[in-house]
Amino acid sequence: MQAPEVIASATHRLPAELRARIAFVVETARRLHQYGTAAPRLESAIDKLAARLDLSAQVWSSPTALIVSFAEGRDARRGLADITQVMRLPPGELDLCRLTQVNEIADDVIAGRLDIAEGSHRLHGIRDGRSVRARAREVACYGVVSAALAALLHSAWVDLAAAGGIGIVVGLVADISGRSARLRSALEAICALLATLLATLISLYLTPLSLKSVVLASLIVLLPGMSLTTAARELSTEHLVSGAARFAGAITTLIKLAFGTIVANELCKALQLVPPASTHAPIPGWAEWVALGCACYAFAVLFRAARRDFPLVMASAALGYVITYYGGHRFTPELGVFLAGLCMGALGNLYARKTNRPGALVREPGIILLVPGSVGYRSLSLIAERDVFLGIDTAVSLVAILACLVAGLLFGDLLVAPKRAL
């Protein structure tokens, strides 16, 4: 993780006790950003934390930067800030385990169970590195999620096997890119290129596949569905700069994925690699529910939840999908997504109120299978293939799903007011 660039104005002129409080709030804000907290919740959390430490804070958050201005005292908003901290940060990634640790440390400092010096020491002591075993488990879970999505798309057994294998290759490339800045910028395009080529070669030389379903499933973890949803939530709550920047980043990711797929398809055409159509029967209905359980476990790993939170995270992901599934069959797919967003948003807030732990443990896994990243990928791919009208129609579906999901989350906040910002 790239170290943030911090610019402090006249920090040495402040009393040591005030510097300690400000440093604790700044480090908490940095950690929340690093572990994937959206702008509305991050700004609200830091504002409340600062107020309880007898500070007035003005917080501005974007996907790549944080600016926090401090003044001492609860009524200091009327005057000028004593100090402003500017942090240049890379985009955060959801890490439920470390997000929970930051939340617990902040609670202990506010409650007086820890002094600020010890709280700061514990924040700095949170390790960001992952062991080789943990990274290998995440790479394997790329394959599990890919195979599970192929099952939820009603594919055949051979499609599940191919998607799982290609998903592991994608996971390996993603893991390597985490340690290479040059590869990281082209990750999505390279993975889409590899996934499409591998799926075409398997379909041509081993067994026919449902090519589009396999490619989509193998790229599912890279699709920016959660980023699109977070961007829409930020825009709807008037965090316009953060929402617009995050939305632009998500669209850029989709473009890179679509570009990689198109290049691979053109290369296959030039080499006259035309795979046959699949003739395999889809998997039975019971296998889809087994795949859902496997996907929930894999998402708990990829969200880096603590072991004790695995049952909660898995149950939340499964519940969100089940509500969408039955709500979509009973009413319409869009209303099913709305109901799932409403339920998971309300349940996340209720869990936070009852346990004093982050509601993100329920809310984020609960919507992961609802986010419309695959719809955006299909829309851009169709437009790039010059099927403009179908691409636009798919884009309209993307907007409808996003609107329903975000509306559900907002109504969930109205149904159960969030006691905690996270």
Protein backbone atom coordinates (compact mmCIF):
# COMPACT_ATOMS: atom_id res chain seq x y z
CA MET A 1 0.00 0.00 0.00
CA GLN A 2 1.35 3.36 -1.01
CA ALA A 3 2.12 5.59 1.98
CA PRO A 4 -0.01 8.75 2.05
CA GLU A 5 1.50 12.13 1.40
CA VAL A 6 0.66 14.25 4.44
CA ILE A 7 0.98 18.04 4.52
CA ALA A 8 0.63 19.58 7.99
CA SER A 9 0.43 23.31 8.66
CA ALA A 10 2.26 24.51 11.76
CA THR A 11 1.64 21.34 13.75
CA HIS A 12 4.58 22.02 16.03
CA ARG A 13 2.93 25.20 17.30
CA LEU A 14 -0.02 23.30 18.80
CA PRO A 15 -0.04 21.90 22.35
CA ALA A 16 1.11 18.28 22.56
CA GLU A 17 -2.27 17.06 23.86
CA LEU A 18 -4.12 18.71 20.97
CA ARG A 19 -1.62 17.31 18.46
CA ALA A 20 -2.24 13.84 19.86
CA ARG A 21 -6.02 14.12 19.43
CA ILE A 22 -5.66 15.43 15.89
CA ALA A 23 -3.15 12.72 14.97
CA PHE A 24 -5.52 10.02 16.24
CA VAL A 25 -8.44 11.37 14.20
CA VAL A 26 -6.27 11.72 11.08
CA GLU A 27 -4.98 8.16 11.34
CA THR A 28 -8.52 6.85 11.89
CA ALA A 29 -9.71 8.70 8.79
CA ARG A 30 -6.82 7.32 6.75
CA ARG A 31 -7.54 3.77 7.87
CA LEU A 32 -11.27 4.04 7.15
CA HIS A 33 -10.49 5.32 3.66
CA GLN A 34 -7.93 2.56 3.10
CA TYR A 35 -10.42 -0.13 4.10
CA GLY A 36 -13.10 0.93 1.65
CA THR A 37 -15.43 3.28 3.56
CA ALA A 38 -17.63 5.43 1.31
CA ALA A 39 -17.42 9.21 1.56
CA PRO A 40 -20.77 9.84 3.39
CA ARG A 41 -20.05 7.32 6.14
CA LEU A 42 -16.39 8.26 6.47
CA GLU A 43 -17.13 11.97 6.81
CA SER A 44 -19.93 11.31 9.30
CA ALA A 45 -17.78 8.94 11.36
CA ILE A 46 -14.83 11.35 11.56
CA ASP A 47 -17.10 14.28 12.37
CA LYS A 48 -18.62 12.35 15.31
CA LEU A 49 -15.25 11.04 16.50
CA ALA A 50 -13.74 14.53 16.46
CA ALA A 51 -16.71 16.00 18.34
CA ARG A 52 -16.33 13.42 21.11
CA LEU A 53 -12.66 14.36 21.41
CA ASP A 54 -13.64 18.04 21.76
CA LEU A 55 -12.56 18.93 18.24
CA SER A 56 -14.40 20.51 15.36
CA ALA A 57 -13.58 18.79 12.07
CA GLN A 58 -14.44 19.65 8.49
CA VAL A 59 -13.90 16.53 6.38
CA TRP A 60 -13.70 16.21 2.60
CA SER A 61 -13.28 12.74 1.14
CA SER A 62 -12.74 11.51 -2.40
CA PRO A 63 -11.59 8.11 -3.74
CA THR A 64 -7.97 9.32 -3.89
CA ALA A 65 -7.68 12.06 -1.25
CA LEU A 66 -8.70 13.22 2.21
CA ILE A 67 -8.71 16.78 3.54
CA VAL A 68 -9.47 17.37 7.23
CA SER A 69 -9.49 20.77 8.92
CA PHE A 70 -9.47 20.94 12.73
CA ALA A 71 -10.30 23.53 15.34
CA GLU A 72 -10.47 22.99 19.08
CA GLY A 73 -13.83 23.11 20.84
CA ARG A 74 -17.33 22.21 19.79
CA ASP A 75 -18.21 25.77 18.79
CA ALA A 76 -15.08 26.33 16.70
CA ARG A 77 -16.93 25.98 13.40
CA ARG A 78 -17.54 29.72 13.52
CA GLY A 79 -13.83 30.50 13.38
CA LEU A 80 -10.79 29.50 11.35
CA ALA A 81 -9.22 26.07 11.45
CA ASP A 82 -6.15 25.52 13.63
CA ILE A 83 -4.67 22.91 11.31
CA THR A 84 -5.46 21.28 7.98
CA GLN A 85 -4.26 17.84 6.93
CA VAL A 86 -4.14 16.85 3.25
CA MET A 87 -3.64 13.18 2.42
CA ARG A 88 -3.10 11.76 -1.05
CA LEU A 89 -4.28 8.13 -0.95
CA PRO A 90 -4.81 5.26 -3.36
CA PRO A 91 -8.41 4.04 -3.73
CA GLY A 92 -9.43 1.89 -0.77
CA GLU A 93 -10.42 -1.77 -0.87
CA LEU A 94 -13.05 -3.32 1.40
CA ASP A 95 -11.39 -5.09 4.34
CA LEU A 96 -14.01 -6.02 6.93
CA CYS A 97 -11.58 -7.41 9.50
CA ARG A 98 -9.39 -4.32 9.69
CA LEU A 99 -12.39 -2.00 9.40
CA THR A 100 -13.80 -3.68 12.51
CA GLN A 101 -10.47 -3.29 14.31
CA VAL A 102 -10.39 0.45 13.57
CA ASN A 103 -13.97 0.75 14.77
CA GLU A 104 -13.19 -1.03 18.07
CA ILE A 105 -10.09 1.08 18.73
CA ALA A 106 -12.01 4.31 18.12
CA ASP A 107 -14.79 3.12 20.46
CA ASP A 108 -12.30 2.25 23.19
CA VAL A 109 -10.68 5.70 22.98
CA ILE A 110 -14.03 7.48 23.07
CA ALA A 111 -15.20 5.39 26.05
CA GLY A 112 -11.96 6.02 27.95
CA ARG A 113 -10.86 2.40 27.95
CA LEU A 114 -7.78 3.45 25.98
CA ASP A 115 -5.87 6.71 26.13
CA ILE A 116 -5.17 8.46 22.84
CA ALA A 117 -1.49 7.49 22.79
CA GLU A 118 -2.31 3.79 23.15
CA GLY A 119 -5.13 4.09 20.60
CA SER A 120 -2.76 5.67 18.08
CA HIS A 121 -0.19 2.95 18.77
CA ARG A 122 -2.79 0.25 18.08
CA LEU A 123 -3.94 1.94 14.88
CA HIS A 124 -0.38 2.09 13.58
CA GLY A 125 0.07 -1.52 14.65
CA ILE A 126 -2.63 -2.82 12.30
CA ARG A 127 -0.72 -4.81 9.72
CA ASP A 128 -1.72 -4.41 6.09
CA GLY A 129 0.34 -7.23 4.62
CA ARG A 130 -1.08 -10.68 3.84
CA SER A 131 0.63 -14.01 4.26
CA VAL A 132 1.34 -16.29 1.32
CA ARG A 133 -1.36 -18.63 2.61
CA ALA A 134 -3.95 -15.85 2.75
CA ARG A 135 -3.09 -14.71 -0.78
CA ALA A 136 -3.33 -18.28 -2.08
CA ARG A 137 -6.75 -18.63 -0.45
CA GLU A 138 -7.93 -15.42 -2.13
CA VAL A 139 -6.68 -16.62 -5.53
CA ALA A 140 -8.59 -19.89 -5.06
CA CYS A 141 -11.72 -17.93 -4.13
CA TYR A 142 -11.53 -16.08 -7.45
CA GLY A 143 -12.11 -19.47 -9.05
CA VAL A 144 -14.87 -20.42 -6.61
CA VAL A 145 -16.79 -17.18 -7.24
CA SER A 146 -16.39 -17.58 -11.01
CA ALA A 147 -17.71 -21.16 -10.97
CA ALA A 148 -20.57 -20.14 -8.67
CA LEU A 149 -21.65 -17.29 -10.95
CA ALA A 150 -21.59 -19.64 -13.93
CA ALA A 151 -23.96 -21.88 -11.97
CA LEU A 152 -26.25 -18.94 -11.14
CA LEU A 153 -26.31 -18.13 -14.87
CA HIS A 154 -27.77 -21.64 -15.49
CA SER A 155 -24.69 -22.86 -17.34
CA ALA A 156 -23.54 -26.45 -17.88
CA TRP A 157 -21.11 -28.42 -15.72
CA VAL A 158 -18.29 -27.92 -18.22
CA ASP A 159 -18.91 -24.17 -18.10
CA LEU A 160 -18.54 -24.23 -14.31
CA ALA A 161 -15.23 -26.08 -14.55
CA ALA A 162 -13.90 -23.75 -17.26
CA ALA A 163 -15.02 -20.60 -15.44
CA GLY A 164 -13.46 -21.82 -12.19
CA GLY A 165 -10.13 -22.59 -13.84
CA ILE A 166 -9.99 -19.30 -15.73
CA GLY A 167 -11.04 -17.47 -12.56
CA ILE A 168 -7.99 -18.85 -10.77
CA VAL A 169 -5.78 -17.55 -13.61
CA VAL A 170 -7.42 -14.13 -13.23
CA GLY A 171 -6.81 -14.31 -9.48
CA LEU A 172 -3.12 -15.07 -10.02
CA VAL A 173 -2.73 -12.08 -12.36
CA ALA A 174 -4.56 -9.86 -9.85
CA ASP A 175 -2.30 -11.05 -7.03
CA ILE A 176 0.84 -10.35 -9.06
CA SER A 177 -0.47 -6.91 -10.04
CA GLY A 178 -0.73 -6.00 -6.36
CA ARG A 179 3.07 -5.86 -6.30
CA SER A 180 3.60 -4.26 -9.74
CA ALA A 181 2.43 -0.72 -10.44
CA ARG A 182 2.86 -1.12 -14.22
CA LEU A 183 0.74 -4.26 -14.33
CA ARG A 184 -1.89 -2.84 -11.97
CA SER A 185 -2.94 -0.11 -14.41
CA ALA A 186 -3.60 -2.66 -17.18
CA LEU A 187 -4.95 -5.45 -14.95
CA GLU A 188 -8.53 -5.48 -16.20
CA ALA A 189 -7.62 -5.41 -19.90
CA ILE A 190 -5.03 -8.18 -19.50
CA CYS A 191 -7.42 -10.39 -17.51
CA ALA A 192 -10.25 -9.90 -20.02
CA LEU A 193 -7.87 -10.74 -22.88
CA LEU A 194 -6.62 -13.90 -21.14
CA ALA A 195 -10.09 -15.02 -20.07
CA THR A 196 -11.53 -14.68 -23.57
CA LEU A 197 -8.58 -16.43 -25.22
CA LEU A 198 -8.58 -19.29 -22.73
CA ALA A 199 -12.34 -19.78 -22.99
CA THR A 200 -12.13 -19.80 -26.80
CA LEU A 201 -9.29 -22.34 -26.83
CA ILE A 202 -11.09 -24.63 -24.35
CA SER A 203 -14.28 -24.40 -26.39
CA LEU A 204 -12.39 -25.14 -29.62
CA TYR A 205 -10.07 -27.94 -28.54
CA LEU A 206 -11.61 -29.54 -25.44
CA THR A 207 -15.37 -29.11 -25.21
CA PRO A 208 -17.88 -26.51 -26.46
CA LEU A 209 -18.72 -23.81 -23.92
CA SER A 210 -21.27 -21.05 -23.44
CA LEU A 211 -18.54 -18.58 -24.27
CA LYS A 212 -20.10 -15.32 -23.09
CA SER A 213 -21.28 -16.80 -19.79
CA VAL A 214 -17.88 -18.32 -19.06
CA VAL A 215 -15.99 -15.10 -19.81
CA LEU A 216 -18.41 -13.02 -17.74
CA ALA A 217 -18.23 -15.45 -14.82
CA SER A 218 -14.43 -15.63 -14.87
CA LEU A 219 -14.18 -11.81 -14.69
CA ILE A 220 -16.86 -11.31 -12.04
CA VAL A 221 -14.51 -10.30 -9.21
CA LEU A 222 -12.97 -7.53 -11.35
CA LEU A 223 -16.32 -6.03 -12.37
CA PRO A 224 -16.87 -2.70 -10.57
CA GLY A 225 -20.43 -3.31 -9.47
CA MET A 226 -19.76 -2.26 -5.89
CA SER A 227 -17.96 0.88 -7.08
CA LEU A 228 -20.90 1.81 -9.30
CA THR A 229 -23.31 1.32 -6.40
CA THR A 230 -21.14 3.32 -4.00
CA ALA A 231 -20.82 6.10 -6.57
CA ALA A 232 -24.60 6.27 -6.99
CA ARG A 233 -25.03 6.37 -3.21
CA GLU A 234 -22.53 9.21 -2.92
CA LEU A 235 -24.18 11.19 -5.70
CA SER A 236 -27.61 10.68 -4.15
CA THR A 237 -26.35 12.06 -0.81
CA GLU A 238 -24.80 15.13 -2.51
CA HIS A 239 -21.19 13.99 -2.22
CA LEU A 240 -20.83 15.04 -5.82
CA VAL A 241 -17.05 15.14 -6.24
CA SER A 242 -16.48 11.74 -4.67
CA GLY A 243 -19.44 10.18 -6.47
CA ALA A 244 -18.45 11.56 -9.87
CA ALA A 245 -14.82 10.49 -9.43
CA ARG A 246 -15.79 6.99 -8.29
CA PHE A 247 -18.30 6.65 -11.14
CA ALA A 248 -15.65 7.69 -13.67
CA GLY A 249 -13.25 5.14 -12.20
CA ALA A 250 -15.85 2.37 -12.47
CA ILE A 251 -16.64 3.25 -16.08
CA THR A 252 -12.91 3.24 -16.87
CA THR A 253 -12.63 -0.26 -15.41
CA LEU A 254 -15.56 -1.43 -17.53
CA ILE A 255 -13.97 0.08 -20.64
CA LYS A 256 -10.70 -1.74 -19.97
CA LEU A 257 -12.54 -5.04 -19.48
CA ALA A 258 -14.56 -4.57 -22.66
CA PHE A 259 -11.41 -3.57 -24.57
CA GLY A 260 -9.56 -6.71 -23.50
CA THR A 261 -12.47 -8.90 -24.59
CA ILE A 262 -12.77 -7.17 -27.96
CA VAL A 263 -9.04 -7.50 -28.67
CA ALA A 264 -9.18 -11.21 -27.85
CA ASN A 265 -12.21 -11.73 -30.09
CA GLU A 266 -10.55 -9.93 -33.00
CA LEU A 267 -7.37 -11.93 -32.50
CA CYS A 268 -9.36 -15.17 -32.58
CA LYS A 269 -11.07 -14.08 -35.78
CA ALA A 270 -7.74 -13.25 -37.39
CA LEU A 271 -6.43 -16.70 -36.46
CA GLN A 272 -9.72 -18.29 -37.61
CA LEU A 273 -10.43 -19.69 -34.16
CA VAL A 274 -14.20 -20.02 -34.29
CA PRO A 275 -15.49 -22.22 -31.45
CA PRO A 276 -18.69 -24.27 -31.89
CA ALA A 277 -21.88 -23.49 -30.01
CA SER A 278 -22.44 -25.27 -26.72
CA THR A 279 -24.79 -28.25 -26.72
CA HIS A 280 -24.53 -29.17 -23.03
CA ALA A 281 -27.58 -29.23 -20.78
CA PRO A 282 -27.67 -26.71 -17.91
CA ILE A 283 -27.00 -27.88 -14.37
CA PRO A 284 -29.97 -28.97 -12.19
CA GLY A 285 -31.69 -26.45 -9.97
CA TRP A 286 -30.31 -27.81 -6.69
CA ALA A 287 -26.74 -27.18 -7.86
CA GLU A 288 -27.43 -23.45 -8.07
CA TRP A 289 -28.17 -23.30 -4.35
CA VAL A 290 -25.00 -25.24 -3.56
CA ALA A 291 -23.10 -22.77 -5.72
CA LEU A 292 -24.69 -19.89 -3.79
CA GLY A 293 -23.28 -21.28 -0.53
CA CYS A 294 -19.82 -21.61 -2.07
CA ALA A 295 -20.01 -18.06 -3.43
CA CYS A 296 -20.96 -16.70 0.01
CA TYR A 297 -17.92 -18.36 1.57
CA ALA A 298 -15.63 -17.06 -1.19
CA PHE A 299 -16.95 -13.50 -0.77
CA ALA A 300 -16.27 -13.71 2.98
CA VAL A 301 -12.65 -14.51 2.11
CA LEU A 302 -12.37 -11.81 -0.56
CA PHE A 303 -13.91 -9.22 1.78
CA ARG A 304 -11.22 -10.28 4.28
CA ALA A 305 -13.67 -10.83 7.10
CA ALA A 306 -12.42 -12.13 10.45
CA ARG A 307 -13.00 -15.83 11.07
CA ARG A 308 -15.61 -15.15 13.72
CA ASP A 309 -17.59 -13.03 11.24
CA PHE A 310 -17.68 -15.63 8.45
CA PRO A 311 -21.17 -16.97 9.40
CA LEU A 312 -22.56 -13.42 9.55
CA VAL A 313 -21.03 -12.35 6.23
CA MET A 314 -22.11 -15.55 4.47
CA ALA A 315 -25.65 -15.34 5.84
CA SER A 316 -25.93 -11.70 4.75
CA ALA A 317 -24.79 -12.46 1.19
CA ALA A 318 -27.19 -15.40 0.95
CA LEU A 319 -30.12 -13.43 2.39
CA GLY A 320 -29.64 -10.56 -0.04
CA TYR A 321 -29.67 -12.96 -2.98
CA VAL A 322 -32.70 -14.91 -1.68
CA ILE A 323 -34.74 -11.72 -1.20
CA THR A 324 -33.85 -10.60 -4.72
CA TYR A 325 -34.62 -14.02 -6.18
CA TYR A 326 -38.07 -14.45 -4.65
CA GLY A 327 -38.94 -10.74 -4.83
CA GLY A 328 -38.06 -10.75 -8.54
CA HIS A 329 -40.23 -13.82 -9.17
CA ARG A 330 -43.14 -12.45 -7.15
CA PHE A 331 -43.02 -8.91 -8.54
CA THR A 332 -40.37 -7.62 -10.99
CA PRO A 333 -36.55 -7.99 -10.95
CA GLU A 334 -36.11 -4.29 -10.22
CA LEU A 335 -38.52 -4.42 -7.26
CA GLY A 336 -36.72 -7.51 -6.00
CA VAL A 337 -33.44 -5.55 -5.99
CA PHE A 338 -35.15 -2.65 -4.19
CA LEU A 339 -36.55 -4.95 -1.49
CA ALA A 340 -33.16 -6.60 -0.97
CA GLY A 341 -31.42 -3.21 -0.69
CA LEU A 342 -34.02 -1.98 1.78
CA CYS A 343 -33.77 -5.12 3.94
CA MET A 344 -29.98 -5.28 3.96
CA GLY A 345 -29.63 -1.56 4.65
CA ALA A 346 -32.08 -1.76 7.57
CA LEU A 347 -30.56 -4.97 8.93
CA GLY A 348 -27.06 -3.49 8.74
CA ASN A 349 -28.16 -0.45 10.78
CA LEU A 350 -30.02 -2.67 13.25
CA TYR A 351 -26.96 -4.87 13.70
CA ALA A 352 -24.79 -1.80 14.34
CA ARG A 353 -27.24 -0.45 16.92
CA LYS A 354 -27.47 -3.75 18.80
CA THR A 355 -23.80 -4.78 18.76
CA ASN A 356 -21.83 -1.51 18.44
CA ARG A 357 -19.97 -3.06 15.50
CA PRO A 358 -19.88 -1.83 11.87
CA GLY A 359 -23.11 -2.35 9.96
CA ALA A 360 -20.89 -2.90 6.90
CA LEU A 361 -20.48 -6.50 8.10
CA VAL A 362 -24.11 -7.05 7.06
CA ARG A 363 -24.75 -4.36 4.47
CA GLU A 364 -21.81 -4.80 2.07
CA PRO A 365 -21.97 -8.62 1.74
CA GLY A 366 -25.76 -8.37 1.52
CA ILE A 367 -25.67 -6.38 -1.71
CA ILE A 368 -22.63 -7.94 -3.41
CA LEU A 369 -24.72 -10.34 -5.51
CA LEU A 370 -27.10 -7.51 -6.48
CA VAL A 371 -24.63 -4.94 -7.83
CA PRO A 372 -24.90 -4.43 -11.60
CA GLY A 373 -21.28 -4.67 -12.72
CA SER A 374 -22.01 -7.49 -15.16
CA VAL A 375 -24.80 -5.44 -16.76
CA GLY A 376 -22.43 -2.52 -17.35
CA TYR A 377 -19.83 -4.86 -18.86
CA ARG A 378 -22.40 -6.34 -21.24
CA SER A 379 -23.62 -2.89 -22.25
CA LEU A 380 -20.17 -1.59 -23.19
CA SER A 381 -19.27 -4.85 -24.94
CA LEU A 382 -22.42 -4.67 -27.08
CA ILE A 383 -21.78 -1.04 -28.00
CA ALA A 384 -18.16 -1.85 -28.91
CA GLU A 385 -19.44 -4.68 -31.13
CA ARG A 386 -21.63 -2.07 -32.89
CA ASP A 387 -24.86 -3.50 -31.50
CA VAL A 388 -25.69 -0.01 -30.30
CA PHE A 389 -29.43 -0.33 -29.68
CA LEU A 390 -29.11 -3.48 -27.57
CA GLY A 391 -26.17 -1.89 -25.74
CA ILE A 392 -28.23 1.19 -24.91
CA ASP A 393 -31.12 -1.01 -23.79
CA THR A 394 -28.75 -2.88 -21.47
CA ALA A 395 -27.40 0.44 -20.15
CA VAL A 396 -30.97 1.47 -19.29
CA SER A 397 -31.26 -1.77 -17.30
CA LEU A 398 -28.04 -0.85 -15.51
CA VAL A 399 -29.45 2.54 -14.50
CA ALA A 400 -32.72 0.94 -13.35
CA ILE A 401 -30.93 -1.63 -11.16
CA LEU A 402 -28.62 1.01 -9.70
CA ALA A 403 -31.55 3.31 -8.92
CA CYS A 404 -33.53 0.52 -7.25
CA LEU A 405 -30.58 -0.70 -5.19
CA VAL A 406 -29.55 2.74 -3.99
CA ALA A 407 -33.16 3.70 -3.26
CA GLY A 408 -33.52 0.52 -1.22
CA LEU A 409 -30.42 1.33 0.83
CA LEU A 410 -31.61 4.90 1.46
CA PHE A 411 -35.07 3.70 2.49
CA GLY A 412 -33.36 1.18 4.75
CA ASP A 413 -31.65 4.08 6.53
CA LEU A 414 -35.06 5.70 6.96
CA LEU A 415 -36.61 2.50 8.28
CA VAL A 416 -33.83 1.94 10.86
CA ALA A 417 -31.80 5.05 11.58
CA PRO A 418 -28.04 4.37 11.61
CA LYS A 419 -26.76 4.88 15.15
CA ARG A 420 -23.19 4.46 13.98
CA ALA A 421 -21.65 6.01 10.88
CA LEU A 422 -20.06 2.75 9.74
